[in-house]
Amino acid sequence: MSYKCYFGLTGQTIYKKNRKACRKPFKLKQTQAFVEYLEHEILKNKLSPNCCWE
């Protein structure tokens, strides 16, 4: 006879692991140079964000 038991911490750990795998990856690190360019243009040169997209 097999007995199954639920462990809340184990269930939560598995949920978090699966949740990370089902979302799109965070891409900010891949676009760091572009973000720095935008920051420079907006803060230092006082340009609007719309100006940087064109």
C-alpha atoms as a PDB file:
ATOM      1  CA  MET A   1       0.000   0.000   0.000  1.00  0.00           C
ATOM      2  CA  SER A   2       1.352   3.365  -0.986  1.00  0.00           C
ATOM      3  CA  TYR A   3       0.630   6.442   1.097  1.00  0.00           C
ATOM      4  CA  LYS A   4       0.828   9.906  -0.463  1.00  0.00           C
ATOM      5  CA  CYS A   5       1.388  12.986   1.619  1.00  0.00           C
ATOM      6  CA  TYR A   6       1.410  16.662   0.663  1.00  0.00           C
ATOM      7  CA  PHE A   7       4.301  18.846   1.759  1.00  0.00           C
ATOM      8  CA  GLY A   8       3.521  22.532   1.343  1.00  0.00           C
ATOM      9  CA  LEU A   9       7.131  23.707   1.091  1.00  0.00           C
ATOM     10  CA  THR A  10       7.915  21.126  -1.579  1.00  0.00           C
ATOM     11  CA  GLY A  11       4.803  22.092  -3.527  1.00  0.00           C
ATOM     12  CA  GLN A  12       5.717  25.779  -3.347  1.00  0.00           C
ATOM     13  CA  THR A  13       9.270  25.075  -4.523  1.00  0.00           C
ATOM     14  CA  ILE A  14       8.044  23.069  -7.503  1.00  0.00           C
ATOM     15  CA  TYR A  15       5.492  25.784  -8.325  1.00  0.00           C
ATOM     16  CA  LYS A  16       8.188  28.510  -8.344  1.00  0.00           C
ATOM     17  CA  LYS A  17      10.482  26.379 -10.517  1.00  0.00           C
ATOM     18  CA  ASN A  18       7.711  25.749 -13.051  1.00  0.00           C
ATOM     19  CA  ARG A  19       6.608  29.398 -12.964  1.00  0.00           C
ATOM     20  CA  LYS A  20      10.096  30.596 -13.915  1.00  0.00           C
ATOM     21  CA  ALA A  21      10.142  28.241 -16.888  1.00  0.00           C
ATOM     22  CA  CYS A  22       6.773  29.368 -18.278  1.00  0.00           C
ATOM     23  CA  ARG A  23       7.452  33.116 -18.585  1.00  0.00           C
ATOM     24  CA  LYS A  24       9.385  35.081 -21.154  1.00  0.00           C
ATOM     25  CA  PRO A  25      12.945  35.825 -20.042  1.00  0.00           C
ATOM     26  CA  PHE A  26      13.715  39.316 -18.773  1.00  0.00           C
ATOM     27  CA  LYS A  27      15.512  41.082 -21.640  1.00  0.00           C
ATOM     28  CA  LEU A  28      16.806  44.213 -19.923  1.00  0.00           C
ATOM     29  CA  LYS A  29      20.297  42.741 -19.572  1.00  0.00           C
ATOM     30  CA  GLN A  30      20.401  41.977 -23.294  1.00  0.00           C
ATOM     31  CA  THR A  31      19.521  45.586 -24.168  1.00  0.00           C
ATOM     32  CA  GLN A  32      21.785  47.310 -21.643  1.00  0.00           C
ATOM     33  CA  ALA A  33      23.617  49.422 -24.253  1.00  0.00           C
ATOM     34  CA  PHE A  34      20.346  50.717 -25.700  1.00  0.00           C
ATOM     35  CA  VAL A  35      18.977  51.521 -22.246  1.00  0.00           C
ATOM     36  CA  GLU A  36      22.153  53.457 -21.414  1.00  0.00           C
ATOM     37  CA  TYR A  37      21.833  55.367 -24.698  1.00  0.00           C
ATOM     38  CA  LEU A  38      18.226  56.277 -23.884  1.00  0.00           C
ATOM     39  CA  GLU A  39      19.185  57.351 -20.388  1.00  0.00           C
ATOM     40  CA  HIS A  40      21.938  59.599 -21.732  1.00  0.00           C
ATOM     41  CA  GLU A  41      19.750  61.192 -24.398  1.00  0.00           C
ATOM     42  CA  ILE A  42      16.819  61.807 -22.058  1.00  0.00           C
ATOM     43  CA  LEU A  43      18.660  62.928 -18.928  1.00  0.00           C
ATOM     44  CA  LYS A  44      21.748  64.661 -20.293  1.00  0.00           C
ATOM     45  CA  ASN A  45      20.555  66.049 -23.635  1.00  0.00           C
ATOM     46  CA  LYS A  46      17.006  66.735 -22.382  1.00  0.00           C
ATOM     47  CA  LEU A  47      15.371  64.945 -25.311  1.00  0.00           C
ATOM     48  CA  SER A  48      11.940  63.437 -25.067  1.00  0.00           C
ATOM     49  CA  PRO A  49      11.550  59.633 -25.178  1.00  0.00           C
ATOM     50  CA  ASN A  50       9.632  59.988 -28.475  1.00  0.00           C
ATOM     51  CA  CYS A  51      12.702  61.515 -30.081  1.00  0.00           C
ATOM     52  CA  CYS A  52      14.801  58.419 -29.349  1.00  0.00           C
ATOM     53  CA  TRP A  53      12.392  56.003 -31.071  1.00  0.00           C
ATOM     54  CA  GLU A  54      12.409  57.670 -34.465  1.00  0.00           C
END
